[in-house]
Structure formats: structure tokens, C-alpha cells
């Protein structure tokens, strides 16, 4: 599966879990947040598809993914993104 297809699948997964996915261009990294009790994942249209995939994967890391069917290619992409994210040092505030 190509990155665009996996992105579409992951957006569908989020929606099936009750998480709204929004996409806009701007000066932000993106990620998961709660707005008025609604869970939202924001994606930045200015980012490369691979970056949007990592943002989605990170946002879905703690989601109950075992409750829904994931295509093997999508599960593999999630696991790869999680492994890549674990290797990147995080900024401290």
C-alpha cells in the first residue's frame, strides 16, 4: 500500500474509534487533542504524507486498536511509525 492509501485507512480507523480527523494548512505540528469533550486529530496539509502518517500513528498509539480490524499493511505501517517515533529524541519543555 502506498502512503496516501495508508493515510486514508488510518483516518477511517480514527473515525471508527470516534475520533474526528481534521486537516488544515498552517504553522502547527498536529496531533491529538480534546475540544469541548470531543477527541480530534489535527493534520497539517503543509506536511509531507509521511509526516502526516507519523502524526496519525502517534495519535492512535493509545487507542483501542484491538477492537477493530486493521489491514495487515496498515498495522505494519503503524508499528513501523511507532518504532521510528520511539527512536527520535523528544523535546523537553
C-alpha atoms as a PDB file:
ATOM      1  CA  UNK A   1       0.000   0.000   0.000  1.00  0.00           C
ATOM      2  CA  UNK A   2       1.227   3.495  -0.725  1.00  0.00           C
ATOM      3  CA  UNK A   3       1.403   6.214   1.925  1.00  0.00           C
ATOM      4  CA  UNK A   4      -1.729   8.018   0.702  1.00  0.00           C
ATOM      5  CA  UNK A   5      -3.777   4.816   0.947  1.00  0.00           C
ATOM      6  CA  UNK A   6      -2.485   4.090   4.443  1.00  0.00           C
ATOM      7  CA  UNK A   7      -3.313   7.669   5.483  1.00  0.00           C
ATOM      8  CA  UNK A   8      -6.868   7.204   4.263  1.00  0.00           C
ATOM      9  CA  UNK A   9      -7.162   3.904   6.121  1.00  0.00           C
ATOM     10  CA  UNK A  10      -5.828   5.448   9.348  1.00  0.00           C
ATOM     11  CA  UNK A  11      -8.237   8.370   9.094  1.00  0.00           C
ATOM     12  CA  UNK A  12     -11.052   5.834   8.734  1.00  0.00           C
ATOM     13  CA  UNK A  13      -9.740   3.906  11.760  1.00  0.00           C
ATOM     14  CA  UNK A  14      -9.760   7.093  13.842  1.00  0.00           C
ATOM     15  CA  UNK A  15     -13.325   7.870  12.801  1.00  0.00           C
ATOM     16  CA  UNK A  16     -14.457   4.325  13.643  1.00  0.00           C
ATOM     17  CA  UNK A  17     -12.982   4.888  17.096  1.00  0.00           C
ATOM     18  CA  UNK A  18     -14.991   8.102  17.445  1.00  0.00           C
ATOM     19  CA  UNK A  19     -12.074  10.461  16.862  1.00  0.00           C
ATOM     20  CA  UNK A  20     -12.630  13.259  14.362  1.00  0.00           C
ATOM     21  CA  UNK A  21      -9.793  13.922  11.915  1.00  0.00           C
ATOM     22  CA  UNK A  22      -9.322  17.492  10.700  1.00  0.00           C
ATOM     23  CA  UNK A  23      -6.826  18.737   8.174  1.00  0.00           C
ATOM     24  CA  UNK A  24      -5.694  22.299   7.544  1.00  0.00           C
ATOM     25  CA  UNK A  25      -2.640  24.187   6.380  1.00  0.00           C
ATOM     26  CA  UNK A  26      -0.832  26.252   8.950  1.00  0.00           C
ATOM     27  CA  UNK A  27       2.097  26.665  11.269  1.00  0.00           C
ATOM     28  CA  UNK A  28       1.496  23.743  13.639  1.00  0.00           C
ATOM     29  CA  UNK A  29       2.800  20.223  14.154  1.00  0.00           C
ATOM     30  CA  UNK A  30      -0.534  18.448  14.555  1.00  0.00           C
ATOM     31  CA  UNK A  31      -1.659  15.689  16.865  1.00  0.00           C
ATOM     32  CA  UNK A  32      -4.473  14.557  19.122  1.00  0.00           C
ATOM     33  CA  UNK A  33      -6.378  16.909  21.388  1.00  0.00           C
ATOM     34  CA  UNK A  34      -9.727  17.309  23.113  1.00  0.00           C
ATOM     35  CA  UNK A  35     -12.017  20.228  22.276  1.00  0.00           C
ATOM     36  CA  UNK A  36     -15.212  20.532  24.300  1.00  0.00           C
ATOM     37  CA  UNK A  37     -15.141  16.802  25.166  1.00  0.00           C
ATOM     38  CA  UNK A  38     -14.595  15.806  21.505  1.00  0.00           C
ATOM     39  CA  UNK A  39     -11.383  13.989  20.572  1.00  0.00           C
ATOM     40  CA  UNK A  40      -9.751  15.420  17.455  1.00  0.00           C
ATOM     41  CA  UNK A  41      -6.637  14.627  15.457  1.00  0.00           C
ATOM     42  CA  UNK A  42      -5.280  17.643  13.580  1.00  0.00           C
ATOM     43  CA  UNK A  43      -3.152  17.090  10.481  1.00  0.00           C
ATOM     44  CA  UNK A  44      -1.161  19.800   8.739  1.00  0.00           C
ATOM     45  CA  UNK A  45      -1.695  19.902   4.964  1.00  0.00           C
ATOM     46  CA  UNK A  46       1.735  21.543   4.594  1.00  0.00           C
ATOM     47  CA  UNK A  47       3.466  18.380   5.840  1.00  0.00           C
ATOM     48  CA  UNK A  48       4.616  15.509   3.670  1.00  0.00           C
ATOM     49  CA  UNK A  49       2.355  12.437   3.663  1.00  0.00           C
ATOM     50  CA  UNK A  50       4.978  10.502   5.657  1.00  0.00           C
ATOM     51  CA  UNK A  51       4.894  13.155   8.381  1.00  0.00           C
ATOM     52  CA  UNK A  52       1.091  13.120   8.488  1.00  0.00           C
ATOM     53  CA  UNK A  53       1.242   9.328   8.785  1.00  0.00           C
ATOM     54  CA  UNK A  54       3.591   9.604  11.802  1.00  0.00           C
ATOM     55  CA  UNK A  55       1.303  12.196  13.420  1.00  0.00           C
ATOM     56  CA  UNK A  56      -1.712   9.902  12.937  1.00  0.00           C
ATOM     57  CA  UNK A  57       0.200   6.863  14.206  1.00  0.00           C
ATOM     58  CA  UNK A  58       1.333   8.720  17.314  1.00  0.00           C
ATOM     59  CA  UNK A  59      -2.192   9.979  17.942  1.00  0.00           C
ATOM     60  CA  UNK A  60      -3.570   6.443  17.675  1.00  0.00           C
ATOM     61  CA  UNK A  61      -0.868   4.794  19.790  1.00  0.00           C
ATOM     62  CA  UNK A  62      -3.021   4.502  22.927  1.00  0.00           C
ATOM     63  CA  UNK A  63      -6.307   3.923  21.093  1.00  0.00           C
ATOM     64  CA  UNK A  64      -8.100   0.568  21.495  1.00  0.00           C
ATOM     65  CA  UNK A  65      -6.956  -0.736  18.096  1.00  0.00           C
ATOM     66  CA  UNK A  66      -7.543  -4.324  19.150  1.00  0.00           C
ATOM     67  CA  UNK A  67     -11.297  -3.633  18.999  1.00  0.00           C
ATOM     68  CA  UNK A  68     -11.343  -3.070  15.230  1.00  0.00           C
ATOM     69  CA  UNK A  69      -9.986  -4.802  12.145  1.00  0.00           C
ATOM     70  CA  UNK A  70      -6.816  -3.347  10.630  1.00  0.00           C
ATOM     71  CA  UNK A  71      -5.471  -4.491   7.289  1.00  0.00           C
ATOM     72  CA  UNK A  72      -2.052  -6.108   7.747  1.00  0.00           C
ATOM     73  CA  UNK A  73      -0.327  -3.364   5.707  1.00  0.00           C
ATOM     74  CA  UNK A  74      -1.930  -0.682   7.888  1.00  0.00           C
ATOM     75  CA  UNK A  75      -0.938  -2.440  11.132  1.00  0.00           C
ATOM     76  CA  UNK A  76       2.618  -2.832   9.780  1.00  0.00           C
ATOM     77  CA  UNK A  77       2.765   0.892   8.886  1.00  0.00           C
ATOM     78  CA  UNK A  78       1.559   1.797  12.401  1.00  0.00           C
ATOM     79  CA  UNK A  79       4.154  -0.423  14.042  1.00  0.00           C
ATOM     80  CA  UNK A  80       6.928   0.999  11.847  1.00  0.00           C
ATOM     81  CA  UNK A  81       5.861   4.571  12.626  1.00  0.00           C
ATOM     82  CA  UNK A  82       5.750   3.793  16.360  1.00  0.00           C
ATOM     83  CA  UNK A  83       9.243   2.284  16.182  1.00  0.00           C
ATOM     84  CA  UNK A  84      10.563   5.328  14.274  1.00  0.00           C
ATOM     85  CA  UNK A  85       8.959   7.704  16.789  1.00  0.00           C
ATOM     86  CA  UNK A  86      10.480   5.816  19.729  1.00  0.00           C
ATOM     87  CA  UNK A  87      13.948   6.327  18.259  1.00  0.00           C
ATOM     88  CA  UNK A  88      13.549  10.104  17.868  1.00  0.00           C
ATOM     89  CA  UNK A  89      14.524  12.099  20.979  1.00  0.00           C
ATOM     90  CA  UNK A  90      11.618  14.219  22.218  1.00  0.00           C
ATOM     91  CA  UNK A  91      11.986  17.885  23.086  1.00  0.00           C
ATOM     92  CA  UNK A  92      11.597  18.691  26.750  1.00  0.00           C
ATOM     93  CA  UNK A  93       9.603  21.712  27.850  1.00  0.00           C
END
